[in-house]
Amino acid sequence: MARQIALLRGVNVGAKKVAMAKLREIFAELGFTDVKTYVNSGNVVFSGRKASVKKIEAAIAAEFGFDVPVVIRTRDELAAVAEANPLAQVATNASRYLVLFSGGGAIDAAKAEGVTVGKGEAYEIVGREAYLWLPDGIHASPLVKGLTEKRLGVAPLTGRNWRTVEKLLALADADGS
């Protein structure tokens, strides 16, 4: 069965508390197998039929009482993200190298033109992902503040640092097919 990765946006920051054990149960109840979570920020690796974002979002809303946007990538799609790695020459700290994943279609790079880029920052858009090098971190980054769903015309967007991308790919490769 195909390995897939669900990326939940905005959980366990602020009021949207989601227990990872309960999240694994929800995925199992939806018929998925070999369900694993990584860290407490809503990363789920699982096997099974092609996942329905709408069904996953509905199950999460029913259990927790709030909406959580979900982005899905297959194991092979995530491997392609890691392989592309367009900022490998400048991104020297995995925790400050961010990938924004679009739950919609491809990101139009032209829509990002003119975005404010902070000192030392860089970005590349490849397909449905935007790769961001943020040497001073995410919180004060003008680049992160500028590359919004509204500006890019895709939703939802959710970000993961490079360390998480690599770990999720390793989890997908370690289990299942």
Protein backbone atom coordinates (compact mmCIF):
# COMPACT_ATOMS: atom_id res chain seq x y z
CA MET A 1 0.00 0.00 0.00
CA ALA A 2 1.14 3.51 -0.76
CA ARG A 3 2.73 5.55 2.02
CA GLN A 4 1.31 9.03 2.47
CA ILE A 5 2.07 11.98 4.67
CA ALA A 6 -0.53 14.33 6.15
CA LEU A 7 0.64 17.77 7.22
CA LEU A 8 -1.79 19.53 9.56
CA ARG A 9 -1.57 23.31 9.70
CA GLY A 10 -1.54 25.23 12.94
CA VAL A 11 -2.05 22.53 15.55
CA ASN A 12 -0.65 22.68 19.06
CA VAL A 13 0.04 26.39 18.76
CA GLY A 14 -2.50 28.55 20.53
CA ALA A 15 -5.90 27.02 21.22
CA LYS A 16 -5.87 24.24 18.61
CA LYS A 17 -4.64 21.35 20.80
CA VAL A 18 -4.47 17.97 19.08
CA ALA A 19 -3.14 14.92 20.92
CA MET A 20 -0.98 12.82 18.62
CA ALA A 21 -2.28 9.54 20.11
CA LYS A 22 -5.85 10.59 19.30
CA LEU A 23 -4.77 11.73 15.84
CA ARG A 24 -3.31 8.26 15.17
CA GLU A 25 -6.62 6.74 16.31
CA ILE A 26 -8.55 8.96 13.90
CA PHE A 27 -6.40 7.83 10.98
CA ALA A 28 -6.83 4.18 12.00
CA GLU A 29 -10.61 4.67 12.24
CA LEU A 30 -10.52 6.06 8.69
CA GLY A 31 -9.04 2.72 7.57
CA PHE A 32 -5.37 3.66 7.34
CA THR A 33 -2.64 1.38 8.65
CA ASP A 34 0.88 1.68 10.00
CA VAL A 35 0.04 5.16 11.30
CA LYS A 36 2.95 7.12 12.79
CA THR A 37 3.16 10.70 14.01
CA TYR A 38 6.26 12.84 14.20
CA VAL A 39 6.68 15.56 16.81
CA ASN A 40 3.68 17.35 18.23
CA SER A 41 2.90 19.58 15.26
CA GLY A 42 0.58 17.41 13.19
CA ASN A 43 2.72 15.22 10.93
CA VAL A 44 1.19 11.83 10.14
CA VAL A 45 2.75 9.05 8.05
CA PHE A 46 0.37 6.26 7.08
CA SER A 47 -0.46 3.53 4.56
CA GLY A 48 -3.64 2.80 2.68
CA ARG A 49 -5.85 3.89 -0.15
CA LYS A 50 -5.53 7.41 -1.54
CA ALA A 51 -6.41 9.75 1.30
CA SER A 52 -9.31 12.19 1.08
CA VAL A 53 -8.32 15.54 2.57
CA LYS A 54 -12.01 16.38 3.12
CA LYS A 55 -12.66 13.15 5.08
CA ILE A 56 -9.56 13.65 7.22
CA GLU A 57 -10.45 17.29 7.92
CA ALA A 58 -14.04 16.30 8.78
CA ALA A 59 -12.89 13.57 11.18
CA ILE A 60 -10.49 15.96 12.92
CA ALA A 61 -13.19 18.64 13.21
CA ALA A 62 -15.68 16.10 14.61
CA GLU A 63 -13.20 14.94 17.26
CA PHE A 64 -11.61 18.22 18.31
CA GLY A 65 -14.31 20.78 17.54
CA PHE A 66 -12.31 23.03 15.22
CA ASP A 67 -11.20 23.06 11.60
CA VAL A 68 -7.64 22.08 10.71
CA PRO A 69 -6.38 22.43 7.13
CA VAL A 70 -4.58 19.31 5.91
CA VAL A 71 -2.08 18.92 3.08
CA ILE A 72 -1.28 15.44 1.74
CA ARG A 73 1.82 14.23 -0.08
CA THR A 74 2.66 10.70 -1.15
CA ARG A 75 6.00 9.23 -0.17
CA ASP A 76 7.23 9.74 -3.74
CA GLU A 77 6.07 13.36 -3.82
CA LEU A 78 7.89 14.04 -0.55
CA ALA A 79 11.00 12.31 -1.93
CA ALA A 80 10.83 14.64 -4.94
CA VAL A 81 10.67 17.65 -2.58
CA ALA A 82 13.79 16.43 -0.80
CA GLU A 83 15.57 15.63 -4.04
CA ALA A 84 14.84 19.04 -5.58
CA ASN A 85 16.43 20.87 -2.62
CA PRO A 86 17.05 24.04 -4.66
CA LEU A 87 18.68 25.95 -1.81
CA ALA A 88 21.14 23.25 -0.76
CA GLN A 89 24.10 25.52 -1.49
CA VAL A 90 22.97 28.24 0.92
CA ALA A 91 20.77 26.48 3.50
CA THR A 92 23.29 25.42 6.14
CA ASN A 93 20.93 24.94 9.09
CA ALA A 94 18.06 22.45 8.69
CA SER A 95 15.96 24.16 11.36
CA ARG A 96 16.04 27.45 9.41
CA TYR A 97 15.34 25.94 6.01
CA LEU A 98 11.57 25.91 5.52
CA VAL A 99 9.38 24.26 2.91
CA LEU A 100 5.88 25.63 2.37
CA PHE A 101 3.56 22.93 1.04
CA SER A 102 0.53 23.97 -1.01
CA GLY A 103 -2.67 22.05 -0.60
CA GLY A 104 -3.85 23.57 -3.84
CA GLY A 105 -2.19 23.55 -7.21
CA ALA A 106 1.26 24.66 -8.24
CA ILE A 107 2.52 27.93 -6.83
CA ASP A 108 2.89 30.63 -9.47
CA ALA A 109 6.41 32.01 -8.93
CA ALA A 110 5.44 35.26 -10.67
CA LYS A 111 3.08 36.03 -7.78
CA ALA A 112 6.04 36.02 -5.39
CA GLU A 113 7.99 38.59 -7.41
CA GLY A 114 8.69 41.72 -5.42
CA VAL A 115 8.24 40.06 -2.03
CA THR A 116 10.45 41.57 0.66
CA VAL A 117 13.45 39.36 1.33
CA GLY A 118 15.41 39.86 4.54
CA LYS A 119 19.20 39.94 4.85
CA GLY A 120 20.64 36.62 3.70
CA GLU A 121 17.23 35.14 2.95
CA ALA A 122 16.47 33.29 -0.27
CA TYR A 123 13.57 31.40 -1.79
CA GLU A 124 12.76 29.16 -4.74
CA ILE A 125 9.39 27.93 -5.90
CA VAL A 126 9.22 24.46 -7.42
CA GLY A 127 5.78 23.11 -8.30
CA ARG A 128 3.55 23.00 -5.21
CA GLU A 129 6.36 23.92 -2.80
CA ALA A 130 8.18 27.09 -1.82
CA TYR A 131 11.64 26.58 -0.31
CA LEU A 132 12.73 29.35 2.07
CA TRP A 133 16.17 29.92 3.58
CA LEU A 134 15.71 31.97 6.76
CA PRO A 135 19.15 32.38 8.36
CA ASP A 136 17.79 34.56 11.19
CA GLY A 137 14.76 32.34 11.83
CA ILE A 138 11.10 32.40 10.96
CA HIS A 139 9.67 34.83 13.51
CA ALA A 140 11.16 38.10 12.25
CA SER A 141 11.37 37.07 8.61
CA PRO A 142 9.86 39.50 6.09
CA LEU A 143 9.95 36.70 3.53
CA VAL A 144 7.66 34.45 5.58
CA LYS A 145 5.30 37.36 6.20
CA GLY A 146 5.19 38.10 2.47
CA LEU A 147 4.66 34.61 1.05
CA THR A 148 1.04 34.23 2.11
CA GLU A 149 -1.83 32.17 0.76
CA LYS A 150 -3.48 35.38 -0.42
CA ARG A 151 -0.42 36.61 -2.30
CA LEU A 152 0.38 33.22 -3.84
CA GLY A 153 -3.25 32.33 -4.57
CA VAL A 154 -3.02 28.83 -3.11
CA ALA A 155 -4.53 27.41 0.05
CA PRO A 156 -3.83 25.96 2.38
CA LEU A 157 -0.12 26.49 2.88
CA THR A 158 1.71 24.77 5.71
CA GLY A 159 5.41 24.87 6.48
CA ARG A 160 7.89 22.30 7.73
CA ASN A 161 11.58 22.77 8.40
CA TRP A 162 14.08 20.69 6.48
CA ARG A 163 14.81 18.43 9.45
CA THR A 164 11.12 17.50 9.59
CA VAL A 165 10.97 16.91 5.81
CA GLU A 166 13.91 14.50 6.08
CA LYS A 167 12.46 12.73 9.13
CA LEU A 168 9.04 12.28 7.52
CA LEU A 169 10.66 10.80 4.43
CA ALA A 170 12.70 8.43 6.62
CA LEU A 171 9.54 7.36 8.45
CA ALA A 172 7.76 6.76 5.15
CA ASP A 173 10.69 4.67 3.92
CA ALA A 174 11.09 2.70 7.16
CA ASP A 175 7.58 1.30 7.20
CA GLY A 176 4.95 0.13 4.77
CA SER A 177 5.71 -0.58 1.14
